[in-house]
Amino acid sequence: MEIFFSMLAAICLILFSFLFWKCLYWQRQGIRGPRGWPLVGSMWRFVTGRQHYGDVYERIYNDNPDLSYVGFYRLLGEPVVLLRSLDMIKEVLIRNFNNCQDNVVWVNPQRDPEGFCNPFIAKGPKWRTMRNEVMPIFTPNKVKGSFAHIETVCKKMVKYVDDKMKTNCFEGKELFSKFTLGVIASAAFGLDGQTFEKSDSDFTQLAEDIFKPNPYSLLDTIALLFSPKLGDLIKYRYVPANVATWLRHIVMNILSLRLDEVPLLDKSSNSQRAEQSDFIQWLIENKQKQNEPVDRATIVGHCSTFLLEGFETSSSLMAFALYEYAINPLEQQKVFNELDEVLKRHNGQLCYEALQELCYLEASLYETLRLHPPMMALLKQCTKSFEMPPQSGDGESFLVPEGMIFVVPVKAVHYDNDIYPDPLVFKPQRFMQDKDKLPSCSFLGFGEGPRKCPGGRFGLAQGKAGIASLLSKYSVHLADIVSERPFEISTTTFLTAAQNGIWIKFKERS
């Protein structure tokens, strides 16, 4: 027994020594940064659920104002580089993109093939293929062609709010999830999602709660962004298995109908199919134009991206925007003034052309993305070794080894007083006349570089349309329940989310 304990002690000592040695990596490289600890690195407050990973990165950013990048440690003592200067961020995201192509989002392609089709998640050559297939769907003309879908769901949302005015207490994220899920059901699949008509519709039941804070959020975040081994252990899936099965069934049925693999139900079906104007149809047509076969599994993967990305980030954006309007009534009034003028010019119709004239509303959405970016940090992996310039004026260059991770601290950049004066203040005018004067890579709400979000244009269009539809009739205010459920950001979710919800109410405008 004594020998056993001696061996166990020796093994523990060797393991601790290795982990401690690992946490001295940056000292050996002559790179400055915060101290790391075995197992938790520099992320103790994140691991214990007390601080969001984005806030941990922001603290490191703020503690090193004289450095262009900082060496620190993520979980298990993993040495990583936090990019601090805008020039270094541009170096990795744009100039040296060929050496840093992969995003660090760990999804097992065998366990989660639908998730791995996401252009943001896919690695190696696959990401470019996936991106090239969806990009034609989000051109200005295609977004304009989708407006009829958006307009229909806008009317349903306004009616839903009308019907609920007696209670008049709405959780913003839930309200706008119904809206964006309804838009995606129509615009992507050509279906009526019935998200406002039926509380138990498939779209709301299966997808609405996927990214909300829950007791497992911290584990999921670690599996997705920090540890693929943990992901394998807990069998993490970005696209939940029940959602993937349901989606596969729906999309395969649609593809069978449109590719003439099942008998037509009536004589008009053929002409109806030819008139389809949705994402699935455009994916099919793009393949046919290139004389390429339609790969059904890939179409299912793209549809999972449309569903999860299309509803989640846009619904969060809309909910956070209405929260900012509610606590900034003067800014809300500016949105009213612009909206009223534009609608007057278009005979009260919120058409696509009117949407393009809502410049202040769009600027307010950019400002909302600045204050509440969907991801508080972007993570890139070095796919080919290259040399970075010195960390500071008197330092030496650093040869980045293949596999090393770069952290782009989005929230820290967005809250930098040198880039955005009064960074905590909601000021949409930052993105009006001065928008083009902002330094490169200073706004990262949609990412930057070749892997910038391809659906940003569509997301803004549906967000502007939904908000304009409501604000043309109502003003927005914080609900009375806010005193019981105050606004605070979850510390455990990988996407920015309100821990207790975003509670709002509406008042009819005079």
Protein backbone atom coordinates (compact mmCIF):
# COMPACT_ATOMS: atom_id res chain seq x y z
CA MET A 1 0.00 0.00 0.00
CA GLU A 2 2.87 2.33 0.86
CA ILE A 3 4.40 1.72 -2.58
CA PHE A 4 1.04 2.49 -4.25
CA PHE A 5 0.72 5.86 -2.49
CA SER A 6 4.33 6.68 -3.27
CA MET A 7 3.75 5.96 -6.95
CA LEU A 8 0.51 7.97 -6.92
CA ALA A 9 2.30 10.90 -5.30
CA ALA A 10 5.09 10.70 -7.89
CA ILE A 11 2.58 10.65 -10.76
CA CYS A 12 0.72 13.64 -9.29
CA LEU A 13 4.00 15.51 -8.85
CA ILE A 14 5.06 14.81 -12.45
CA LEU A 15 1.62 15.87 -13.73
CA PHE A 16 1.62 19.07 -11.67
CA SER A 17 5.18 19.86 -12.78
CA PHE A 18 4.18 19.38 -16.44
CA LEU A 19 1.11 21.61 -16.08
CA PHE A 20 3.15 24.26 -14.25
CA TRP A 21 5.88 24.08 -16.92
CA LYS A 22 3.17 24.49 -19.59
CA CYS A 23 2.01 27.69 -17.89
CA LEU A 24 5.51 29.17 -18.27
CA TYR A 25 5.35 28.98 -22.09
CA TRP A 26 5.13 32.73 -22.67
CA GLN A 27 7.95 33.47 -20.24
CA ARG A 28 10.16 31.10 -22.22
CA GLN A 29 9.16 32.94 -25.42
CA GLY A 30 9.82 36.37 -23.93
CA ILE A 31 6.17 37.40 -24.49
CA ARG A 32 4.42 39.49 -21.84
CA GLY A 33 0.99 38.66 -20.41
CA PRO A 34 -0.90 37.55 -17.29
CA ARG A 35 0.20 34.59 -15.25
CA GLY A 36 -1.48 31.25 -15.90
CA TRP A 37 -2.38 28.47 -13.48
CA PRO A 38 -2.50 24.72 -14.06
CA LEU A 39 -5.82 23.50 -15.49
CA VAL A 40 -7.62 26.88 -15.44
CA GLY A 41 -4.95 29.03 -17.13
CA SER A 42 -6.07 32.68 -16.93
CA MET A 43 -9.77 31.70 -17.05
CA TRP A 44 -10.61 31.01 -13.39
CA ARG A 45 -13.55 33.42 -13.23
CA PHE A 46 -15.02 31.95 -16.42
CA VAL A 47 -14.65 28.33 -15.28
CA THR A 48 -16.48 29.13 -12.04
CA GLY A 49 -19.33 30.80 -13.95
CA ARG A 50 -18.70 34.22 -12.42
CA GLN A 51 -17.61 36.01 -15.59
CA HIS A 52 -18.29 35.57 -19.30
CA TYR A 53 -15.27 34.53 -21.37
CA GLY A 54 -15.64 37.82 -23.28
CA ASP A 55 -15.29 39.78 -20.04
CA VAL A 56 -12.16 37.81 -19.11
CA TYR A 57 -10.65 38.74 -22.47
CA GLU A 58 -11.72 42.36 -22.00
CA ARG A 59 -9.89 42.53 -18.67
CA ILE A 60 -6.69 41.21 -20.28
CA TYR A 61 -7.14 43.74 -23.11
CA ASN A 62 -7.58 46.66 -20.69
CA ASP A 63 -4.66 45.59 -18.47
CA ASN A 64 -2.15 45.77 -21.35
CA PRO A 65 -2.71 49.06 -23.21
CA ASP A 66 0.91 49.34 -24.34
CA LEU A 67 1.06 45.97 -26.13
CA SER A 68 -0.08 45.07 -29.66
CA TYR A 69 -0.85 41.51 -28.53
CA VAL A 70 -0.75 39.58 -25.26
CA GLY A 71 0.26 36.04 -24.40
CA PHE A 72 -2.08 34.32 -21.94
CA TYR A 73 -3.49 30.88 -21.13
CA ARG A 74 -6.89 29.34 -21.74
CA LEU A 75 -8.15 26.18 -20.08
CA LEU A 76 -5.65 23.38 -19.35
CA GLY A 77 -2.86 25.93 -19.61
CA GLU A 78 -3.21 26.28 -23.39
CA PRO A 79 -1.04 29.23 -24.52
CA VAL A 80 -2.96 31.59 -26.83
CA VAL A 81 -2.50 35.09 -28.28
CA LEU A 82 -4.94 37.90 -27.55
CA LEU A 83 -4.80 40.46 -30.35
CA ARG A 84 -4.92 43.90 -28.82
CA SER A 85 -4.19 46.49 -31.52
CA LEU A 86 -6.49 46.97 -34.52
CA ASP A 87 -3.47 46.51 -36.75
CA MET A 88 -2.78 43.07 -35.25
CA ILE A 89 -6.45 42.12 -35.60
CA LYS A 90 -6.30 43.15 -39.26
CA GLU A 91 -3.05 41.19 -39.63
CA VAL A 92 -4.76 37.94 -38.59
CA LEU A 93 -8.27 38.41 -40.01
CA ILE A 94 -7.29 39.91 -43.37
CA ARG A 95 -3.60 40.24 -44.31
CA ASN A 96 -2.53 36.84 -43.00
CA PHE A 97 -5.89 35.15 -43.46
CA ASN A 98 -4.36 32.32 -45.53
CA ASN A 99 -2.34 31.39 -42.44
CA CYS A 100 -5.32 31.63 -40.06
CA GLN A 101 -8.30 30.32 -42.01
CA ASP A 102 -10.02 28.16 -39.41
CA ASN A 103 -12.41 29.45 -36.78
CA VAL A 104 -12.09 27.76 -33.40
CA VAL A 105 -15.52 26.18 -32.97
CA TRP A 106 -15.24 22.49 -32.13
CA VAL A 107 -17.92 20.36 -33.81
CA ASN A 108 -17.48 16.66 -34.52
CA PRO A 109 -18.31 16.19 -38.25
CA GLN A 110 -19.28 12.53 -37.75
CA ARG A 111 -21.59 13.19 -34.80
CA ASP A 112 -22.90 16.53 -36.06
CA PRO A 113 -22.70 16.62 -39.90
CA GLU A 114 -25.38 19.33 -40.17
CA GLY A 115 -23.46 21.63 -37.82
CA PHE A 116 -20.23 21.08 -39.75
CA CYS A 117 -21.90 22.46 -42.90
CA ASN A 118 -22.15 25.86 -41.23
CA PRO A 119 -19.68 28.19 -43.06
CA PHE A 120 -18.64 29.67 -39.71
CA ILE A 121 -17.88 26.25 -38.21
CA ALA A 122 -16.50 24.21 -41.15
CA LYS A 123 -12.74 23.78 -41.28
CA GLY A 124 -10.15 23.21 -43.99
CA PRO A 125 -11.31 23.59 -47.61
CA LYS A 126 -14.91 22.79 -46.64
CA TRP A 127 -15.64 26.24 -45.20
CA ARG A 128 -15.01 27.95 -48.55
CA THR A 129 -17.21 25.46 -50.40
CA MET A 130 -20.05 25.92 -47.91
CA ARG A 131 -19.72 29.70 -47.98
CA ASN A 132 -19.65 29.87 -51.80
CA GLU A 133 -22.87 27.85 -51.94
CA VAL A 134 -24.84 30.19 -49.65
CA MET A 135 -23.39 33.55 -50.71
CA PRO A 136 -25.61 33.87 -53.85
CA ILE A 137 -28.66 33.61 -51.60
CA PHE A 138 -27.82 36.83 -49.77
CA THR A 139 -27.17 39.25 -52.65
CA PRO A 140 -29.18 42.52 -52.54
CA ASN A 141 -31.56 41.24 -55.23
CA LYS A 142 -32.18 37.98 -53.40
CA VAL A 143 -32.80 39.80 -50.09
CA LYS A 144 -35.25 42.04 -51.92
CA GLY A 145 -36.88 38.92 -53.36
CA SER A 146 -37.30 37.61 -49.80
CA PHE A 147 -39.08 40.73 -48.57
CA ALA A 148 -42.56 39.33 -49.25
CA HIS A 149 -41.83 36.54 -46.75
CA ILE A 150 -40.63 39.06 -44.16
CA GLU A 151 -43.59 41.37 -44.73
CA THR A 152 -46.13 38.58 -44.15
CA VAL A 153 -44.59 37.61 -40.81
CA CYS A 154 -44.36 41.29 -39.76
CA LYS A 155 -48.15 41.55 -40.06
CA LYS A 156 -48.58 38.40 -38.00
CA MET A 157 -46.31 39.79 -35.27
CA VAL A 158 -48.20 43.09 -35.04
CA LYS A 159 -51.50 41.19 -34.75
CA TYR A 160 -49.97 38.97 -32.05
CA VAL A 161 -48.92 42.02 -30.03
CA ASP A 162 -52.36 43.58 -30.56
CA ASP A 163 -54.01 40.45 -29.19
CA LYS A 164 -51.71 40.35 -26.13
CA MET A 165 -52.07 44.02 -25.15
CA LYS A 166 -54.30 43.17 -22.19
CA THR A 167 -51.43 41.47 -20.42
CA ASN A 168 -48.82 43.67 -22.18
CA CYS A 169 -45.71 41.98 -20.83
CA PHE A 170 -43.42 40.48 -23.45
CA GLU A 171 -40.07 38.75 -23.16
CA GLY A 172 -38.28 40.36 -26.09
CA LYS A 173 -36.15 37.39 -27.09
CA GLU A 174 -39.17 35.08 -27.10
CA LEU A 175 -41.26 37.54 -29.12
CA PHE A 176 -38.60 38.04 -31.76
CA SER A 177 -37.68 34.36 -31.87
CA LYS A 178 -41.25 33.71 -33.00
CA PHE A 179 -40.80 36.42 -35.62
CA THR A 180 -37.42 35.28 -37.00
CA LEU A 181 -38.40 31.60 -36.91
CA GLY A 182 -41.52 32.51 -38.88
CA VAL A 183 -39.42 34.42 -41.41
CA ILE A 184 -36.93 31.56 -41.79
CA ALA A 185 -39.73 28.98 -42.15
CA SER A 186 -41.17 31.03 -45.01
CA ALA A 187 -38.05 32.50 -46.66
CA ALA A 188 -35.84 29.41 -46.37
CA PHE A 189 -38.30 26.52 -46.61
CA GLY A 190 -41.37 28.03 -48.23
CA LEU A 191 -43.48 26.91 -45.24
CA ASP A 192 -45.90 28.60 -42.88
CA GLY A 193 -44.19 28.13 -39.52
CA GLN A 194 -47.33 29.26 -37.62
CA THR A 195 -45.05 30.60 -34.91
CA PHE A 196 -47.56 33.24 -33.78
CA GLU A 197 -50.72 31.22 -34.37
CA LYS A 198 -49.71 28.01 -32.54
CA SER A 199 -47.76 27.96 -29.29
CA ASP A 200 -46.80 24.35 -29.98
CA SER A 201 -45.68 24.76 -33.61
CA ASP A 202 -42.68 22.62 -34.54
CA PHE A 203 -40.49 25.63 -35.25
CA THR A 204 -41.03 27.24 -31.85
CA GLN A 205 -41.01 23.99 -29.86
CA LEU A 206 -37.81 22.63 -31.36
CA ALA A 207 -35.67 25.69 -31.97
CA GLU A 208 -36.73 28.56 -29.71
CA ASP A 209 -34.85 27.48 -26.57
CA ILE A 210 -31.67 26.10 -28.15
CA PHE A 211 -29.34 28.98 -27.23
CA LYS A 212 -31.06 30.16 -24.04
CA PRO A 213 -29.15 29.97 -20.72
CA ASN A 214 -29.63 26.62 -18.99
CA PRO A 215 -27.81 24.55 -16.33
CA TYR A 216 -25.59 22.98 -19.01
CA SER A 217 -24.66 26.19 -20.84
CA LEU A 218 -21.18 26.42 -19.33
CA LEU A 219 -20.33 22.81 -20.27
CA ASP A 220 -21.65 23.37 -23.80
CA THR A 221 -19.61 26.58 -24.16
CA ILE A 222 -16.42 24.85 -23.00
CA ALA A 223 -17.06 21.94 -25.37
CA LEU A 224 -17.72 24.25 -28.32
CA LEU A 225 -14.97 26.84 -27.84
CA PHE A 226 -12.32 25.26 -25.60
CA SER A 227 -12.24 21.47 -25.54
CA PRO A 228 -13.26 19.03 -28.29
CA LYS A 229 -12.41 16.20 -25.88
CA LEU A 230 -15.10 17.42 -23.50
CA GLY A 231 -17.45 17.66 -26.50
CA ASP A 232 -16.80 13.99 -27.27
CA LEU A 233 -17.29 13.06 -23.61
CA ILE A 234 -20.70 14.75 -23.30
CA LYS A 235 -21.54 14.03 -26.98
CA TYR A 236 -22.11 17.72 -27.64
CA ARG A 237 -23.98 18.69 -30.81
CA TYR A 238 -24.31 22.22 -32.16
CA VAL A 239 -27.47 21.08 -33.98
CA PRO A 240 -29.39 18.99 -31.40
CA ALA A 241 -30.22 15.47 -32.55
CA ASN A 242 -34.01 15.96 -32.39
CA VAL A 243 -33.75 19.17 -34.43
CA ALA A 244 -31.50 17.48 -37.00
CA THR A 245 -33.91 14.53 -37.39
CA TRP A 246 -36.96 16.80 -37.75
CA LEU A 247 -35.15 19.11 -40.17
CA ARG A 248 -33.85 16.21 -42.26
CA HIS A 249 -37.40 14.88 -42.64
CA ILE A 250 -38.81 18.27 -43.71
CA VAL A 251 -36.03 19.14 -46.15
CA MET A 252 -35.96 15.70 -47.76
CA ASN A 253 -39.70 15.92 -48.40
CA ILE A 254 -39.32 19.37 -49.95
CA LEU A 255 -36.43 18.20 -52.13
CA SER A 256 -38.38 15.14 -53.26
CA LEU A 257 -41.29 17.31 -54.36
CA ARG A 258 -39.14 19.85 -56.15
CA LEU A 259 -36.87 17.35 -57.82
CA ASP A 260 -39.80 15.33 -59.18
CA GLU A 261 -39.04 12.21 -57.16
CA VAL A 262 -42.61 11.63 -55.94
CA PRO A 263 -45.90 11.82 -57.84
CA LEU A 264 -47.42 15.30 -58.07
CA LEU A 265 -50.58 15.71 -56.00
CA ASP A 266 -52.40 17.83 -58.58
CA LYS A 267 -51.87 19.41 -61.96
CA SER A 268 -51.04 22.82 -60.52
CA SER A 269 -48.12 21.52 -58.43
CA ASN A 270 -45.66 21.80 -61.30
CA SER A 271 -46.32 25.49 -61.89
CA GLN A 272 -46.36 26.17 -58.14
CA ARG A 273 -42.95 24.56 -57.81
CA ALA A 274 -41.58 26.71 -60.63
CA GLU A 275 -42.75 29.82 -58.79
CA GLN A 276 -41.05 28.93 -55.50
CA SER A 277 -38.83 31.75 -54.29
CA ASP A 278 -37.04 30.59 -51.18
CA PHE A 279 -33.55 29.60 -50.07
CA ILE A 280 -33.97 25.89 -50.83
CA GLN A 281 -35.14 26.63 -54.36
CA TRP A 282 -32.23 29.01 -54.94
CA LEU A 283 -29.75 26.37 -53.72
CA ILE A 284 -31.26 23.89 -56.19
CA GLU A 285 -31.19 26.38 -59.05
CA ASN A 286 -27.58 27.37 -58.38
CA LYS A 287 -26.53 23.72 -58.56
CA GLN A 288 -28.52 23.19 -61.75
CA LYS A 289 -26.96 26.27 -63.38
CA GLN A 290 -23.52 24.81 -62.69
CA ASN A 291 -24.60 21.37 -63.95
CA GLU A 292 -23.77 19.90 -60.55
CA PRO A 293 -25.78 17.26 -58.67
CA VAL A 294 -27.92 18.40 -55.75
CA ASP A 295 -26.41 16.85 -52.64
CA ARG A 296 -29.33 16.41 -50.25
CA ALA A 297 -27.24 16.04 -47.11
CA THR A 298 -25.48 19.33 -47.80
CA ILE A 299 -28.82 21.07 -48.42
CA VAL A 300 -30.00 19.78 -45.02
CA GLY A 301 -26.80 21.17 -43.50
CA HIS A 302 -27.35 24.57 -45.09
CA CYS A 303 -30.94 24.57 -43.86
CA SER A 304 -29.76 23.95 -40.30
CA THR A 305 -27.53 27.01 -40.69
CA PHE A 306 -30.43 29.09 -42.00
CA LEU A 307 -32.61 27.95 -39.12
CA LEU A 308 -30.22 28.35 -36.18
CA GLU A 309 -28.17 31.34 -37.34
CA GLY A 310 -31.09 33.07 -39.03
CA PHE A 311 -33.34 33.11 -36.01
CA GLU A 312 -30.93 33.35 -33.08
CA THR A 313 -28.65 36.28 -33.85
CA SER A 314 -31.41 38.39 -35.43
CA SER A 315 -33.89 37.80 -32.61
CA SER A 316 -31.24 38.72 -30.03
CA LEU A 317 -30.35 41.85 -32.00
CA MET A 318 -34.00 42.95 -32.14
CA ALA A 319 -34.58 42.26 -28.44
CA PHE A 320 -31.44 44.13 -27.36
CA ALA A 321 -32.36 47.02 -29.70
CA LEU A 322 -35.80 47.43 -28.12
CA TYR A 323 -34.20 47.29 -24.68
CA GLU A 324 -31.89 50.15 -25.69
CA TYR A 325 -34.83 52.15 -27.11
CA ALA A 326 -36.73 51.62 -23.86
CA ILE A 327 -33.93 52.99 -21.67
CA ASN A 328 -32.99 55.71 -24.18
CA PRO A 329 -36.32 57.43 -25.02
CA LEU A 330 -34.64 60.32 -26.86
CA GLU A 331 -33.03 57.86 -29.26
CA GLN A 332 -36.35 56.04 -29.63
CA GLN A 333 -37.94 59.35 -30.62
CA LYS A 334 -35.32 59.85 -33.34
CA VAL A 335 -36.23 56.43 -34.73
CA PHE A 336 -39.92 57.44 -34.62
CA ASN A 337 -39.24 60.69 -36.46
CA GLU A 338 -37.35 58.97 -39.26
CA LEU A 339 -39.88 56.15 -39.52
CA ASP A 340 -42.83 58.54 -39.75
CA GLU A 341 -41.15 60.59 -42.47
CA VAL A 342 -40.24 57.54 -44.54
CA LEU A 343 -43.71 56.00 -44.25
CA LYS A 344 -45.29 59.30 -45.25
CA ARG A 345 -43.20 59.32 -48.44
CA HIS A 346 -44.38 55.78 -49.21
CA ASN A 347 -48.08 56.27 -48.47
CA GLY A 348 -47.85 54.46 -45.15
CA GLN A 349 -46.49 51.27 -46.74
CA LEU A 350 -43.42 49.59 -45.29
CA CYS A 351 -42.13 48.39 -48.66
CA TYR A 352 -38.58 47.24 -49.39
CA GLU A 353 -37.66 50.67 -50.79
CA ALA A 354 -38.87 52.33 -47.57
CA LEU A 355 -36.73 49.91 -45.59
CA GLN A 356 -33.61 51.14 -47.39
CA GLU A 357 -34.34 54.72 -46.30
CA LEU A 358 -34.40 53.90 -42.58
CA CYS A 359 -30.80 54.95 -42.06
CA TYR A 360 -31.06 55.94 -38.39
CA LEU A 361 -32.87 52.72 -37.54
CA GLU A 362 -30.08 50.78 -39.25
CA ALA A 363 -27.46 52.83 -37.39
CA SER A 364 -29.23 51.97 -34.12
CA LEU A 365 -28.92 48.27 -34.98
CA TYR A 366 -25.20 48.66 -35.63
CA GLU A 367 -24.88 50.44 -32.29
CA THR A 368 -26.82 47.62 -30.63
CA LEU A 369 -24.39 45.12 -32.17
CA ARG A 370 -21.53 47.20 -30.82
CA LEU A 371 -22.91 47.10 -27.29
CA HIS A 372 -24.22 43.52 -27.49
CA PRO A 373 -22.17 41.61 -30.08
CA PRO A 374 -23.51 38.08 -30.74
CA MET A 375 -20.09 36.63 -29.89
CA MET A 376 -17.96 38.55 -27.41
CA ALA A 377 -14.81 37.15 -29.00
CA LEU A 378 -13.77 35.54 -32.27
CA LEU A 379 -11.24 32.71 -32.20
CA LYS A 380 -8.91 31.90 -35.08
CA GLN A 381 -6.45 29.02 -35.38
CA CYS A 382 -3.07 29.26 -37.07
CA THR A 383 -3.22 26.83 -40.00
CA LYS A 384 0.28 27.65 -41.27
CA SER A 385 3.20 28.97 -39.22
CA PHE A 386 4.11 32.63 -39.80
CA GLU A 387 6.01 35.42 -38.08
CA MET A 388 4.32 38.17 -36.07
CA PRO A 389 5.99 41.55 -35.50
CA PRO A 390 7.30 42.43 -32.02
CA GLN A 391 4.82 42.67 -29.19
CA SER A 392 6.13 46.15 -28.39
CA GLY A 393 8.74 48.53 -29.78
CA ASP A 394 11.69 46.98 -27.96
CA GLY A 395 10.73 43.33 -28.41
CA GLU A 396 11.49 40.58 -30.89
CA SER A 397 9.26 39.01 -33.52
CA PHE A 398 7.37 35.83 -32.65
CA LEU A 399 7.13 32.75 -34.86
CA VAL A 400 3.54 31.52 -34.46
CA PRO A 401 3.44 27.71 -34.39
CA GLU A 402 0.79 25.89 -36.39
CA GLY A 403 -2.28 25.19 -34.27
CA MET A 404 -1.95 28.20 -31.97
CA ILE A 405 -5.18 30.10 -31.27
CA PHE A 406 -5.73 33.83 -31.64
CA VAL A 407 -8.39 35.61 -29.62
CA VAL A 408 -10.04 38.65 -31.20
CA PRO A 409 -11.68 40.32 -28.16
CA VAL A 410 -14.76 41.77 -29.88
CA LYS A 411 -16.40 43.23 -26.79
CA ALA A 412 -13.15 44.80 -25.61
CA VAL A 413 -12.64 46.51 -28.99
CA HIS A 414 -16.26 47.71 -29.06
CA TYR A 415 -15.89 49.14 -25.54
CA ASP A 416 -12.51 50.81 -26.12
CA ASN A 417 -12.83 54.51 -25.24
CA ASP A 418 -10.06 55.42 -27.72
CA ILE A 419 -12.12 53.95 -30.58
CA TYR A 420 -15.64 54.74 -29.35
CA PRO A 421 -15.76 57.71 -26.94
CA ASP A 422 -18.29 57.15 -24.15
CA PRO A 423 -18.44 53.46 -25.06
CA LEU A 424 -21.22 52.60 -22.59
CA VAL A 425 -23.58 55.19 -24.08
CA PHE A 426 -26.07 54.16 -26.78
CA LYS A 427 -25.24 56.56 -29.65
CA PRO A 428 -26.48 55.38 -33.07
CA GLN A 429 -25.06 58.50 -34.75
CA ARG A 430 -21.64 56.81 -34.53
CA PHE A 431 -22.80 54.75 -37.51
CA MET A 432 -24.35 57.53 -39.58
CA GLN A 433 -22.03 59.96 -41.41
CA ASP A 434 -18.95 58.78 -39.53
CA LYS A 435 -19.47 55.07 -40.22
CA ASP A 436 -16.97 54.99 -43.10
CA LYS A 437 -14.42 56.87 -41.00
CA LEU A 438 -14.19 54.16 -38.37
CA PRO A 439 -10.80 52.39 -38.35
CA SER A 440 -10.60 49.05 -40.11
CA CYS A 441 -11.58 46.11 -37.87
CA SER A 442 -13.01 48.40 -35.18
CA PHE A 443 -16.55 47.07 -35.70
CA LEU A 444 -16.80 43.29 -35.51
CA GLY A 445 -20.53 42.68 -35.10
CA PHE A 446 -20.54 40.58 -38.27
CA GLY A 447 -16.92 39.47 -38.04
CA GLU A 448 -14.37 40.67 -40.59
CA GLY A 449 -12.34 39.35 -43.49
CA PRO A 450 -13.14 36.47 -45.86
CA ARG A 451 -15.18 34.66 -43.19
CA LYS A 452 -17.40 37.63 -42.37
CA CYS A 453 -21.05 36.64 -41.78
CA PRO A 454 -22.60 36.02 -45.23
CA GLY A 455 -26.17 36.55 -43.99
CA GLY A 456 -25.66 39.95 -42.38
CA ARG A 457 -27.62 41.79 -45.07
CA PHE A 458 -30.64 39.52 -44.67
CA GLY A 459 -30.43 39.71 -40.87
CA LEU A 460 -30.47 43.51 -40.95
CA ALA A 461 -33.38 43.52 -43.40
CA GLN A 462 -35.60 41.32 -41.25
CA GLY A 463 -34.55 43.17 -38.11
CA LYS A 464 -35.36 46.59 -39.57
CA ALA A 465 -38.67 45.39 -40.98
CA GLY A 466 -39.81 43.75 -37.74
CA ILE A 467 -38.87 46.71 -35.54
CA ALA A 468 -40.32 49.27 -37.98
CA SER A 469 -43.62 47.35 -38.09
CA LEU A 470 -43.94 47.54 -34.31
CA LEU A 471 -42.66 51.09 -33.82
CA SER A 472 -44.95 52.46 -36.52
CA LYS A 473 -47.76 51.67 -34.08
CA TYR A 474 -46.23 51.40 -30.60
CA SER A 475 -43.61 52.90 -28.35
CA VAL A 476 -41.58 50.45 -26.26
CA HIS A 477 -40.87 50.58 -22.52
CA LEU A 478 -39.45 48.33 -19.82
CA ALA A 479 -42.08 46.03 -18.37
CA ASP A 480 -43.01 46.32 -14.69
CA ILE A 481 -41.61 42.83 -14.09
CA VAL A 482 -38.06 44.14 -14.70
CA SER A 483 -37.73 44.93 -10.98
CA GLU A 484 -38.11 41.20 -10.32
CA ARG A 485 -36.11 40.03 -13.34
CA PRO A 486 -33.41 42.65 -13.90
CA PHE A 487 -31.42 42.83 -17.11
CA GLU A 488 -28.08 41.06 -16.88
CA ILE A 489 -25.91 39.15 -19.34
CA SER A 490 -25.46 35.41 -18.88
CA THR A 491 -21.92 34.40 -17.92
CA THR A 492 -22.17 30.86 -19.31
CA THR A 493 -23.59 30.99 -22.86
CA PHE A 494 -21.27 31.18 -25.87
CA LEU A 495 -23.64 33.63 -27.62
CA THR A 496 -24.57 36.83 -25.82
CA ALA A 497 -27.86 36.27 -23.97
CA ALA A 498 -29.84 37.93 -21.19
CA GLN A 499 -29.84 35.74 -18.10
CA ASN A 500 -33.33 36.75 -16.93
CA GLY A 501 -34.79 37.70 -20.28
CA ILE A 502 -35.50 41.15 -21.77
CA TRP A 503 -38.91 42.23 -20.49
CA ILE A 504 -40.73 44.97 -22.40
CA LYS A 505 -44.20 46.43 -22.86
CA PHE A 506 -45.79 48.54 -25.59
CA LYS A 507 -47.95 51.66 -25.62
CA GLU A 508 -49.95 52.80 -28.59
CA ARG A 509 -48.47 55.89 -30.19
CA SER A 510 -50.76 58.89 -30.39
